[in-house]
PDB file of N, CA and C in Angstrom:
ATOM      1  N   UNK A   1     139.117  41.851 139.551  1.00  0.00           N
ATOM      2  CA  UNK A   1     138.706  41.357 138.263  1.00  0.00           C
ATOM      3  C   UNK A   1     137.202  41.126 138.273  1.00  0.00           C
ATOM      4  N   UNK A   2     136.549  41.583 137.236  1.00  0.00           N
ATOM      5  CA  UNK A   2     135.106  41.430 137.118  1.00  0.00           C
ATOM      6  C   UNK A   2     134.762  39.983 136.765  1.00  0.00           C
ATOM      7  N   UNK A   3     133.747  39.435 137.412  1.00  0.00           N
ATOM      8  CA  UNK A   3     133.323  38.070 137.101  1.00  0.00           C
ATOM      9  C   UNK A   3     132.784  37.961 135.672  1.00  0.00           C
ATOM     10  N   UNK A   4     132.855  36.763 135.128  1.00  0.00           N
ATOM     11  CA  UNK A   4     132.263  36.472 133.823  1.00  0.00           C
ATOM     12  C   UNK A   4     130.864  35.927 134.054  1.00  0.00           C
ATOM     13  N   UNK A   5     129.938  36.297 133.179  1.00  0.00           N
ATOM     14  CA  UNK A   5     128.551  35.871 133.318  1.00  0.00           C
ATOM     15  C   UNK A   5     128.094  35.212 132.028  1.00  0.00           C
ATOM     16  N   UNK A   6     127.411  34.098 132.186  1.00  0.00           N
ATOM     17  CA  UNK A   6     126.737  33.453 131.068  1.00  0.00           C
ATOM     18  C   UNK A   6     125.266  33.378 131.422  1.00  0.00           C
ATOM     19  N   UNK A   7     124.414  33.655 130.446  1.00  0.00           N
ATOM     20  CA  UNK A   7     122.975  33.662 130.653  1.00  0.00           C
ATOM     21  C   UNK A   7     122.361  32.424 130.009  1.00  0.00           C
ATOM     22  N   UNK A   8     121.416  31.815 130.712  1.00  0.00           N
ATOM     23  CA  UNK A   8     120.745  30.616 130.225  1.00  0.00           C
ATOM     24  C   UNK A   8     119.250  30.733 130.460  1.00  0.00           C
ATOM     25  N   UNK A   9     118.482  30.128 129.589  1.00  0.00           N
ATOM     26  CA  UNK A   9     117.047  29.938 129.800  1.00  0.00           C
ATOM     27  C   UNK A   9     116.789  28.490 130.211  1.00  0.00           C
ATOM     28  N   UNK A  10     117.707  27.613 129.833  1.00  0.00           N
ATOM     29  CA  UNK A  10     117.572  26.177 130.042  1.00  0.00           C
ATOM     30  C   UNK A  10     118.499  25.730 131.171  1.00  0.00           C
ATOM     31  N   UNK A  11     117.927  25.167 132.218  1.00  0.00           N
ATOM     32  CA  UNK A  11     118.698  24.713 133.370  1.00  0.00           C
ATOM     33  C   UNK A  11     119.710  23.630 132.989  1.00  0.00           C
ATOM     34  N   UNK A  12     119.299  22.722 132.116  1.00  0.00           N
ATOM     35  CA  UNK A  12     120.179  21.618 131.712  1.00  0.00           C
ATOM     36  C   UNK A  12     121.402  22.158 130.981  1.00  0.00           C
ATOM     37  N   UNK A  13     121.224  23.173 130.157  1.00  0.00           N
ATOM     38  CA  UNK A  13     122.354  23.765 129.439  1.00  0.00           C
ATOM     39  C   UNK A  13     123.351  24.391 130.418  1.00  0.00           C
ATOM     40  N   UNK A  14     122.856  25.026 131.471  1.00  0.00           N
ATOM     41  CA  UNK A  14     123.740  25.595 132.488  1.00  0.00           C
ATOM     42  C   UNK A  14     124.515  24.485 133.185  1.00  0.00           C
ATOM     43  N   UNK A  15     123.848  23.413 133.547  1.00  0.00           N
ATOM     44  CA  UNK A  15     124.504  22.290 134.220  1.00  0.00           C
ATOM     45  C   UNK A  15     125.595  21.707 133.329  1.00  0.00           C
ATOM     46  N   UNK A  16     125.313  21.569 132.047  1.00  0.00           N
ATOM     47  CA  UNK A  16     126.309  21.054 131.098  1.00  0.00           C
ATOM     48  C   UNK A  16     127.497  22.004 130.979  1.00  0.00           C
ATOM     49  N   UNK A  17     127.241  23.303 131.032  1.00  0.00           N
ATOM     50  CA  UNK A  17     128.328  24.282 130.954  1.00  0.00           C
ATOM     51  C   UNK A  17     129.222  24.198 132.190  1.00  0.00           C
ATOM     52  N   UNK A  18     128.647  23.992 133.355  1.00  0.00           N
ATOM     53  CA  UNK A  18     129.449  23.817 134.569  1.00  0.00           C
ATOM     54  C   UNK A  18     130.355  22.595 134.419  1.00  0.00           C
ATOM     55  N   UNK A  19     129.800  21.515 133.922  1.00  0.00           N
ATOM     56  CA  UNK A  19     130.608  20.305 133.705  1.00  0.00           C
ATOM     57  C   UNK A  19     131.729  20.568 132.713  1.00  0.00           C
ATOM     58  N   UNK A  20     131.419  21.288 131.642  1.00  0.00           N
ATOM     59  CA  UNK A  20     132.418  21.610 130.632  1.00  0.00           C
ATOM     60  C   UNK A  20     133.540  22.474 131.216  1.00  0.00           C
ATOM     61  N   UNK A  21     133.167  23.495 131.967  1.00  0.00           N
ATOM     62  CA  UNK A  21     134.172  24.365 132.582  1.00  0.00           C
ATOM     63  C   UNK A  21     135.038  23.584 133.563  1.00  0.00           C
ATOM     64  N   UNK A  22     134.412  22.726 134.357  1.00  0.00           N
ATOM     65  CA  UNK A  22     135.165  21.914 135.325  1.00  0.00           C
ATOM     66  C   UNK A  22     136.148  20.995 134.605  1.00  0.00           C
ATOM     67  N   UNK A  23     135.747  20.447 133.469  1.00  0.00           N
ATOM     68  CA  UNK A  23     136.642  19.566 132.717  1.00  0.00           C
ATOM     69  C   UNK A  23     137.830  20.328 132.125  1.00  0.00           C
ATOM     70  N   UNK A  24     137.690  21.654 132.023  1.00  0.00           N
ATOM     71  CA  UNK A  24     138.770  22.507 131.516  1.00  0.00           C
ATOM     72  C   UNK A  24     139.622  23.069 132.644  1.00  0.00           C
ATOM     73  N   UNK A  25     139.338  22.626 133.873  1.00  0.00           N
ATOM     74  CA  UNK A  25     140.150  23.049 135.007  1.00  0.00           C
ATOM     75  C   UNK A  25     139.607  24.204 135.816  1.00  0.00           C
ATOM     76  N   UNK A  26     138.413  24.687 135.491  1.00  0.00           N
ATOM     77  CA  UNK A  26     137.814  25.771 136.267  1.00  0.00           C
ATOM     78  C   UNK A  26     137.292  25.181 137.584  1.00  0.00           C
ATOM     79  N   UNK A  27     137.695  25.785 138.681  1.00  0.00           N
ATOM     80  CA  UNK A  27     137.258  25.316 139.990  1.00  0.00           C
ATOM     81  C   UNK A  27     135.778  25.604 140.188  1.00  0.00           C
ATOM     82  N   UNK A  28     135.034  24.609 140.629  1.00  0.00           N
ATOM     83  CA  UNK A  28     133.612  24.816 140.901  1.00  0.00           C
ATOM     84  C   UNK A  28     133.410  25.785 142.062  1.00  0.00           C
ATOM     85  N   UNK A  29     134.465  26.021 142.844  1.00  0.00           N
ATOM     86  CA  UNK A  29     134.379  26.987 143.939  1.00  0.00           C
ATOM     87  C   UNK A  29     134.159  28.411 143.432  1.00  0.00           C
ATOM     88  N   UNK A  30     134.459  28.654 142.149  1.00  0.00           N
ATOM     89  CA  UNK A  30     134.320  29.993 141.587  1.00  0.00           C
ATOM     90  C   UNK A  30     133.047  30.152 140.760  1.00  0.00           C
ATOM     91  N   UNK A  31     132.226  29.107 140.693  1.00  0.00           N
ATOM     92  CA  UNK A  31     131.024  29.129 139.865  1.00  0.00           C
ATOM     93  C   UNK A  31     129.777  29.261 140.733  1.00  0.00           C
ATOM     94  N   UNK A  32     128.954  30.255 140.389  1.00  0.00           N
ATOM     95  CA  UNK A  32     127.743  30.554 141.151  1.00  0.00           C
ATOM     96  C   UNK A  32     126.535  30.565 140.229  1.00  0.00           C
ATOM     97  N   UNK A  33     125.446  30.012 140.725  1.00  0.00           N
ATOM     98  CA  UNK A  33     124.168  29.997 140.011  1.00  0.00           C
ATOM     99  C   UNK A  33     123.256  31.013 140.668  1.00  0.00           C
ATOM    100  N   UNK A  34     122.540  31.787 139.838  1.00  0.00           N
ATOM    101  CA  UNK A  34     121.621  32.784 140.366  1.00  0.00           C
ATOM    102  C   UNK A  34     120.381  32.843 139.477  1.00  0.00           C
ATOM    103  N   UNK A  35     119.220  32.774 140.115  1.00  0.00           N
ATOM    104  CA  UNK A  35     117.958  32.979 139.409  1.00  0.00           C
ATOM    105  C   UNK A  35     117.031  33.765 140.334  1.00  0.00           C
ATOM    106  N   UNK A  36     115.884  34.140 139.807  1.00  0.00           N
ATOM    107  CA  UNK A  36     114.935  34.912 140.605  1.00  0.00           C
ATOM    108  C   UNK A  36     114.151  34.022 141.563  1.00  0.00           C
ATOM    109  N   UNK A  37     114.211  32.723 141.356  1.00  0.00           N
ATOM    110  CA  UNK A  37     113.455  31.761 142.154  1.00  0.00           C
ATOM    111  C   UNK A  37     114.436  30.961 143.017  1.00  0.00           C
ATOM    112  N   UNK A  38     114.319  31.077 144.321  1.00  0.00           N
ATOM    113  CA  UNK A  38     115.243  30.397 145.236  1.00  0.00           C
ATOM    114  C   UNK A  38     115.245  28.880 145.043  1.00  0.00           C
ATOM    115  N   UNK A  39     114.057  28.307 144.813  1.00  0.00           N
ATOM    116  CA  UNK A  39     113.991  26.853 144.612  1.00  0.00           C
ATOM    117  C   UNK A  39     114.747  26.440 143.351  1.00  0.00           C
ATOM    118  N   UNK A  40     114.578  27.201 142.296  1.00  0.00           N
ATOM    119  CA  UNK A  40     115.298  26.919 141.038  1.00  0.00           C
ATOM    120  C   UNK A  40     116.796  27.048 141.252  1.00  0.00           C
ATOM    121  N   UNK A  41     117.214  28.117 141.921  1.00  0.00           N
ATOM    122  CA  UNK A  41     118.634  28.311 142.194  1.00  0.00           C
ATOM    123  C   UNK A  41     119.198  27.134 142.978  1.00  0.00           C
ATOM    124  N   UNK A  42     118.499  26.737 144.030  1.00  0.00           N
ATOM    125  CA  UNK A  42     118.946  25.608 144.854  1.00  0.00           C
ATOM    126  C   UNK A  42     119.055  24.329 144.030  1.00  0.00           C
ATOM    127  N   UNK A  43     118.023  24.041 143.264  1.00  0.00           N
ATOM    128  CA  UNK A  43     117.981  22.808 142.482  1.00  0.00           C
ATOM    129  C   UNK A  43     119.106  22.760 141.442  1.00  0.00           C
ATOM    130  N   UNK A  44     119.254  23.834 140.688  1.00  0.00           N
ATOM    131  CA  UNK A  44     120.265  23.854 139.627  1.00  0.00           C
ATOM    132  C   UNK A  44     121.670  23.857 140.211  1.00  0.00           C
ATOM    133  N   UNK A  45     121.892  24.637 141.265  1.00  0.00           N
ATOM    134  CA  UNK A  45     123.217  24.660 141.896  1.00  0.00           C
ATOM    135  C   UNK A  45     123.572  23.282 142.437  1.00  0.00           C
ATOM    136  N   UNK A  46     122.616  22.604 143.045  1.00  0.00           N
ATOM    137  CA  UNK A  46     122.869  21.256 143.556  1.00  0.00           C
ATOM    138  C   UNK A  46     123.151  20.282 142.415  1.00  0.00           C
ATOM    139  N   UNK A  47     122.335  20.341 141.359  1.00  0.00           N
ATOM    140  CA  UNK A  47     122.522  19.428 140.219  1.00  0.00           C
ATOM    141  C   UNK A  47     123.840  19.683 139.493  1.00  0.00           C
ATOM    142  N   UNK A  48     124.271  20.934 139.456  1.00  0.00           N
ATOM    143  CA  UNK A  48     125.507  21.289 138.760  1.00  0.00           C
ATOM    144  C   UNK A  48     126.726  21.177 139.663  1.00  0.00           C
ATOM    145  N   UNK A  49     126.504  21.003 140.946  1.00  0.00           N
ATOM    146  CA  UNK A  49     127.576  21.016 141.936  1.00  0.00           C
ATOM    147  C   UNK A  49     128.314  22.360 141.890  1.00  0.00           C
ATOM    148  N   UNK A  50     127.501  23.422 141.809  1.00  0.00           N
ATOM    149  CA  UNK A  50     128.021  24.789 141.810  1.00  0.00           C
ATOM    150  C   UNK A  50     127.536  25.473 143.089  1.00  0.00           C
ATOM    151  N   UNK A  51     127.824  26.732 143.234  1.00  0.00           N
ATOM    152  CA  UNK A  51     127.528  27.467 144.458  1.00  0.00           C
ATOM    153  C   UNK A  51     126.347  28.410 144.286  1.00  0.00           C
ATOM    154  N   UNK A  52     125.815  28.845 145.420  1.00  0.00           N
ATOM    155  CA  UNK A  52     124.830  29.907 145.492  1.00  0.00           C
ATOM    156  C   UNK A  52     125.495  31.048 146.250  1.00  0.00           C
ATOM    157  N   UNK A  53     125.092  32.262 145.957  1.00  0.00           N
ATOM    158  CA  UNK A  53     125.639  33.418 146.659  1.00  0.00           C
ATOM    159  C   UNK A  53     125.069  33.427 148.069  1.00  0.00           C
ATOM    160  N   UNK A  54     125.961  33.488 149.049  1.00  0.00           N
ATOM    161  CA  UNK A  54     125.528  33.473 150.443  1.00  0.00           C
ATOM    162  C   UNK A  54     126.355  34.403 151.298  1.00  0.00           C
ATOM    163  N   UNK A  55     126.356  34.127 152.582  1.00  0.00           N
ATOM    164  CA  UNK A  55     127.042  34.958 153.572  1.00  0.00           C
ATOM    165  C   UNK A  55     128.519  35.160 153.245  1.00  0.00           C
ATOM    166  N   UNK A  56     129.216  34.117 152.840  1.00  0.00           N
ATOM    167  CA  UNK A  56     130.646  34.235 152.560  1.00  0.00           C
ATOM    168  C   UNK A  56     130.946  35.182 151.412  1.00  0.00           C
ATOM    169  N   UNK A  57     130.035  35.275 150.464  1.00  0.00           N
ATOM    170  CA  UNK A  57     130.267  36.106 149.284  1.00  0.00           C
ATOM    171  C   UNK A  57     129.860  37.554 149.491  1.00  0.00           C
ATOM    172  N   UNK A  58     128.828  37.798 150.281  1.00  0.00           N
ATOM    173  CA  UNK A  58     128.315  39.163 150.394  1.00  0.00           C
ATOM    174  C   UNK A  58     128.656  39.841 151.708  1.00  0.00           C
ATOM    175  N   UNK A  59     129.109  39.101 152.676  1.00  0.00           N
ATOM    176  CA  UNK A  59     129.422  39.691 153.971  1.00  0.00           C
ATOM    177  C   UNK A  59     128.195  39.754 154.861  1.00  0.00           C
ATOM    178  N   UNK A  60     128.443  39.868 156.143  1.00  0.00           N
ATOM    179  CA  UNK A  60     127.382  39.788 157.142  1.00  0.00           C
ATOM    180  C   UNK A  60     126.358  40.916 157.001  1.00  0.00           C
ATOM    181  N   UNK A  61     126.837  42.144 156.820  1.00  0.00           N
ATOM    182  CA  UNK A  61     125.924  43.293 156.777  1.00  0.00           C
ATOM    183  C   UNK A  61     124.950  43.184 155.605  1.00  0.00           C
ATOM    184  N   UNK A  62     125.471  42.871 154.420  1.00  0.00           N
ATOM    185  CA  UNK A  62     124.609  42.732 153.244  1.00  0.00           C
ATOM    186  C   UNK A  62     123.685  41.529 153.393  1.00  0.00           C
ATOM    187  N   UNK A  63     124.209  40.450 153.941  1.00  0.00           N
ATOM    188  CA  UNK A  63     123.400  39.243 154.131  1.00  0.00           C
ATOM    189  C   UNK A  63     122.192  39.531 155.017  1.00  0.00           C
ATOM    190  N   UNK A  64     122.408  40.206 156.135  1.00  0.00           N
ATOM    191  CA  UNK A  64     121.313  40.533 157.045  1.00  0.00           C
ATOM    192  C   UNK A  64     120.357  41.526 156.388  1.00  0.00           C
ATOM    193  N   UNK A  65     120.894  42.508 155.698  1.00  0.00           N
ATOM    194  CA  UNK A  65     120.063  43.486 154.997  1.00  0.00           C
ATOM    195  C   UNK A  65     119.159  42.804 153.978  1.00  0.00           C
ATOM    196  N   UNK A  66     119.703  41.800 153.282  1.00  0.00           N
ATOM    197  CA  UNK A  66     118.933  41.100 152.260  1.00  0.00           C
ATOM    198  C   UNK A  66     117.753  40.323 152.831  1.00  0.00           C
ATOM    199  N   UNK A  67     117.839  39.937 154.090  1.00  0.00           N
ATOM    200  CA  UNK A  67     116.734  39.214 154.729  1.00  0.00           C
ATOM    201  C   UNK A  67     115.468  40.066 154.725  1.00  0.00           C
ATOM    202  N   UNK A  68     115.647  41.369 154.836  1.00  0.00           N
ATOM    203  CA  UNK A  68     114.516  42.286 154.920  1.00  0.00           C
ATOM    204  C   UNK A  68     114.247  43.011 153.605  1.00  0.00           C
ATOM    205  N   UNK A  69     114.908  42.605 152.532  1.00  0.00           N
ATOM    206  CA  UNK A  69     114.764  43.260 151.235  1.00  0.00           C
ATOM    207  C   UNK A  69     113.824  42.488 150.327  1.00  0.00           C
ATOM    208  N   UNK A  70     113.296  43.182 149.328  1.00  0.00           N
ATOM    209  CA  UNK A  70     112.555  42.520 148.265  1.00  0.00           C
ATOM    210  C   UNK A  70     113.532  41.686 147.454  1.00  0.00           C
ATOM    211  N   UNK A  71     113.032  40.686 146.746  1.00  0.00           N
ATOM    212  CA  UNK A  71     113.887  39.763 146.005  1.00  0.00           C
ATOM    213  C   UNK A  71     114.771  40.504 144.994  1.00  0.00           C
ATOM    214  N   UNK A  72     114.224  41.451 144.261  1.00  0.00           N
ATOM    215  CA  UNK A  72     115.009  42.189 143.283  1.00  0.00           C
ATOM    216  C   UNK A  72     116.154  42.957 143.926  1.00  0.00           C
ATOM    217  N   UNK A  73     115.871  43.583 145.057  1.00  0.00           N
ATOM    218  CA  UNK A  73     116.920  44.313 145.785  1.00  0.00           C
ATOM    219  C   UNK A  73     117.997  43.351 146.279  1.00  0.00           C
ATOM    220  N   UNK A  74     117.559  42.198 146.775  1.00  0.00           N
ATOM    221  CA  UNK A  74     118.506  41.189 147.256  1.00  0.00           C
ATOM    222  C   UNK A  74     119.437  40.745 146.126  1.00  0.00           C
ATOM    223  N   UNK A  75     118.887  40.474 144.958  1.00  0.00           N
ATOM    224  CA  UNK A  75     119.708  40.025 143.821  1.00  0.00           C
ATOM    225  C   UNK A  75     120.672  41.115 143.365  1.00  0.00           C
ATOM    226  N   UNK A  76     120.190  42.360 143.307  1.00  0.00           N
ATOM    227  CA  UNK A  76     121.079  43.469 142.915  1.00  0.00           C
ATOM    228  C   UNK A  76     122.209  43.630 143.930  1.00  0.00           C
ATOM    229  N   UNK A  77     121.906  43.520 145.213  1.00  0.00           N
ATOM    230  CA  UNK A  77     122.943  43.612 146.249  1.00  0.00           C
ATOM    231  C   UNK A  77     123.977  42.498 146.082  1.00  0.00           C
ATOM    232  N   UNK A  78     123.512  41.288 145.825  1.00  0.00           N
ATOM    233  CA  UNK A  78     124.432  40.165 145.634  1.00  0.00           C
ATOM    234  C   UNK A  78     125.323  40.400 144.419  1.00  0.00           C
ATOM    235  N   UNK A  79     124.739  40.868 143.340  1.00  0.00           N
ATOM    236  CA  UNK A  79     125.524  41.125 142.124  1.00  0.00           C
ATOM    237  C   UNK A  79     126.573  42.211 142.376  1.00  0.00           C
ATOM    238  N   UNK A  80     126.196  43.256 143.083  1.00  0.00           N
ATOM    239  CA  UNK A  80     127.160  44.323 143.388  1.00  0.00           C
ATOM    240  C   UNK A  80     128.292  43.798 144.262  1.00  0.00           C
ATOM    241  N   UNK A  81     127.977  42.956 145.234  1.00  0.00           N
ATOM    242  CA  UNK A  81     129.013  42.390 146.111  1.00  0.00           C
ATOM    243  C   UNK A  81     129.960  41.475 145.332  1.00  0.00           C
ATOM    244  N   UNK A  82     129.471  40.885 144.254  1.00  0.00           N
ATOM    245  CA  UNK A  82     130.332  40.035 143.421  1.00  0.00           C
ATOM    246  C   UNK A  82     131.225  40.844 142.477  1.00  0.00           C
ATOM    247  N   UNK A  83     130.989  42.159 142.391  1.00  0.00           N
ATOM    248  CA  UNK A  83     131.873  43.007 141.606  1.00  0.00           C
ATOM    249  C   UNK A  83     131.238  43.724 140.436  1.00  0.00           C
ATOM    250  N   UNK A  84     129.929  43.686 140.337  1.00  0.00           N
ATOM    251  CA  UNK A  84     129.253  44.364 139.231  1.00  0.00           C
ATOM    252  C   UNK A  84     128.846  45.772 139.640  1.00  0.00           C
ATOM    253  N   UNK A  85     128.783  46.670 138.653  1.00  0.00           N
ATOM    254  CA  UNK A  85     128.334  48.035 138.906  1.00  0.00           C
ATOM    255  C   UNK A  85     126.830  48.036 139.171  1.00  0.00           C
ATOM    256  N   UNK A  86     126.328  49.161 139.651  1.00  0.00           N
ATOM    257  CA  UNK A  86     124.885  49.288 139.886  1.00  0.00           C
ATOM    258  C   UNK A  86     124.119  49.062 138.586  1.00  0.00           C
ATOM    259  N   UNK A  87     124.588  49.653 137.498  1.00  0.00           N
ATOM    260  CA  UNK A  87     123.901  49.500 136.214  1.00  0.00           C
ATOM    261  C   UNK A  87     123.917  48.045 135.747  1.00  0.00           C
ATOM    262  N   UNK A  88     125.051  47.381 135.885  1.00  0.00           N
ATOM    263  CA  UNK A  88     125.135  45.967 135.502  1.00  0.00           C
ATOM    264  C   UNK A  88     124.203  45.120 136.368  1.00  0.00           C
ATOM    265  N   UNK A  89     124.196  45.399 137.660  1.00  0.00           N
ATOM    266  CA  UNK A  89     123.318  44.663 138.574  1.00  0.00           C
ATOM    267  C   UNK A  89     121.856  44.866 138.193  1.00  0.00           C
ATOM    268  N   UNK A  90     121.494  46.097 137.856  1.00  0.00           N
ATOM    269  CA  UNK A  90     120.118  46.385 137.429  1.00  0.00           C
ATOM    270  C   UNK A  90     119.773  45.607 136.156  1.00  0.00           C
ATOM    271  N   UNK A  91     120.700  45.594 135.200  1.00  0.00           N
ATOM    272  CA  UNK A  91     120.459  44.901 133.928  1.00  0.00           C
ATOM    273  C   UNK A  91     120.314  43.396 134.134  1.00  0.00           C
ATOM    274  N   UNK A  92     121.196  42.807 134.925  1.00  0.00           N
ATOM    275  CA  UNK A  92     121.103  41.367 135.175  1.00  0.00           C
ATOM    276  C   UNK A  92     119.850  41.020 135.968  1.00  0.00           C
ATOM    277  N   UNK A  93     119.486  41.862 136.928  1.00  0.00           N
ATOM    278  CA  UNK A  93     118.288  41.581 137.718  1.00  0.00           C
ATOM    279  C   UNK A  93     117.048  41.623 136.829  1.00  0.00           C
ATOM    280  N   UNK A  94     117.019  42.520 135.876  1.00  0.00           N
ATOM    281  CA  UNK A  94     115.902  42.593 134.918  1.00  0.00           C
ATOM    282  C   UNK A  94     115.807  41.301 134.113  1.00  0.00           C
ATOM    283  N   UNK A  95     116.947  40.772 133.698  1.00  0.00           N
ATOM    284  CA  UNK A  95     116.958  39.513 132.961  1.00  0.00           C
ATOM    285  C   UNK A  95     116.494  38.359 133.847  1.00  0.00           C
ATOM    286  N   UNK A  96     116.899  38.381 135.118  1.00  0.00           N
ATOM    287  CA  UNK A  96     116.444  37.359 136.056  1.00  0.00           C
ATOM    288  C   UNK A  96     114.931  37.413 136.218  1.00  0.00           C
ATOM    289  N   UNK A  97     114.373  38.634 136.215  1.00  0.00           N
ATOM    290  CA  UNK A  97     112.918  38.806 136.300  1.00  0.00           C
ATOM    291  C   UNK A  97     112.190  38.072 135.180  1.00  0.00           C
ATOM    292  N   UNK A  98     112.857  37.941 134.030  1.00  0.00           N
ATOM    293  CA  UNK A  98     112.231  37.342 132.848  1.00  0.00           C
ATOM    294  C   UNK A  98     112.650  35.891 132.630  1.00  0.00           C
ATOM    295  N   UNK A  99     113.109  35.229 133.689  1.00  0.00           N
ATOM    296  CA  UNK A  99     113.341  33.797 133.621  1.00  0.00           C
ATOM    297  C   UNK A  99     114.744  33.355 133.271  1.00  0.00           C
ATOM    298  N   UNK A 100     115.653  34.286 133.071  1.00  0.00           N
ATOM    299  CA  UNK A 100     117.043  33.926 132.805  1.00  0.00           C
ATOM    300  C   UNK A 100     117.672  33.384 134.081  1.00  0.00           C
ATOM    301  N   UNK A 101     118.558  32.436 133.929  1.00  0.00           N
ATOM    302  CA  UNK A 101     119.351  31.941 135.052  1.00  0.00           C
ATOM    303  C   UNK A 101     120.811  32.243 134.710  1.00  0.00           C
ATOM    304  N   UNK A 102     121.561  32.734 135.683  1.00  0.00           N
ATOM    305  CA  UNK A 102     122.938  33.161 135.447  1.00  0.00           C
ATOM    306  C   UNK A 102     123.932  32.152 136.001  1.00  0.00           C
ATOM    307  N   UNK A 103     125.019  31.975 135.255  1.00  0.00           N
ATOM    308  CA  UNK A 103     126.189  31.259 135.736  1.00  0.00           C
ATOM    309  C   UNK A 103     127.290  32.302 135.839  1.00  0.00           C
ATOM    310  N   UNK A 104     127.770  32.536 137.037  1.00  0.00           N
ATOM    311  CA  UNK A 104     128.761  33.571 137.293  1.00  0.00           C
ATOM    312  C   UNK A 104     130.062  32.900 137.705  1.00  0.00           C
ATOM    313  N   UNK A 105     131.139  33.246 136.997  1.00  0.00           N
ATOM    314  CA  UNK A 105     132.475  32.728 137.306  1.00  0.00           C
ATOM    315  C   UNK A 105     133.261  33.884 137.920  1.00  0.00           C
ATOM    316  N   UNK A 106     133.549  33.774 139.208  1.00  0.00           N
ATOM    317  CA  UNK A 106     134.231  34.869 139.911  1.00  0.00           C
ATOM    318  C   UNK A 106     135.724  34.908 139.658  1.00  0.00           C
ATOM    319  N   UNK A 107     136.260  33.919 138.966  1.00  0.00           N
ATOM    320  CA  UNK A 107     137.674  33.884 138.632  1.00  0.00           C
ATOM    321  C   UNK A 107     137.849  33.424 137.183  1.00  0.00           C
ATOM    322  N   UNK A 108     137.433  34.277 136.223  1.00  0.00           N
ATOM    323  CA  UNK A 108     137.400  33.852 134.824  1.00  0.00           C
ATOM    324  C   UNK A 108     138.764  33.633 134.176  1.00  0.00           C
ATOM    325  N   UNK A 109     139.846  34.050 134.817  1.00  0.00           N
ATOM    326  CA  UNK A 109     141.167  33.885 134.235  1.00  0.00           C
ATOM    327  C   UNK A 109     141.730  32.484 134.420  1.00  0.00           C
ATOM    328  N   UNK A 110     141.085  31.689 135.255  1.00  0.00           N
ATOM    329  CA  UNK A 110     141.586  30.346 135.532  1.00  0.00           C
ATOM    330  C   UNK A 110     141.066  29.365 134.504  1.00  0.00           C
TER     331      UNK A 110
END
């Protein structure tokens, strides 16, 4: 199943959406925050009590490869590992380049 994605420009709005989804029974274990800025991703994920894409989500090979990749390549690789096509990953990475922050629900049926 393809993950659901919501796009935000406002960090507070994303945090409120995580709270809203959690109140509806969505497990925070399935919610991931992604932005082009690692500090922003860390801060918002911590404030929202959501996840960041890491080793468990992308696997060891991709994780190590991403260490030596440019940020855009790293984000596209993470998006593909979460279940998006190359074209979708390219489109989302372009939006991340322009300040969008993503909330990704890997289990949208719950």
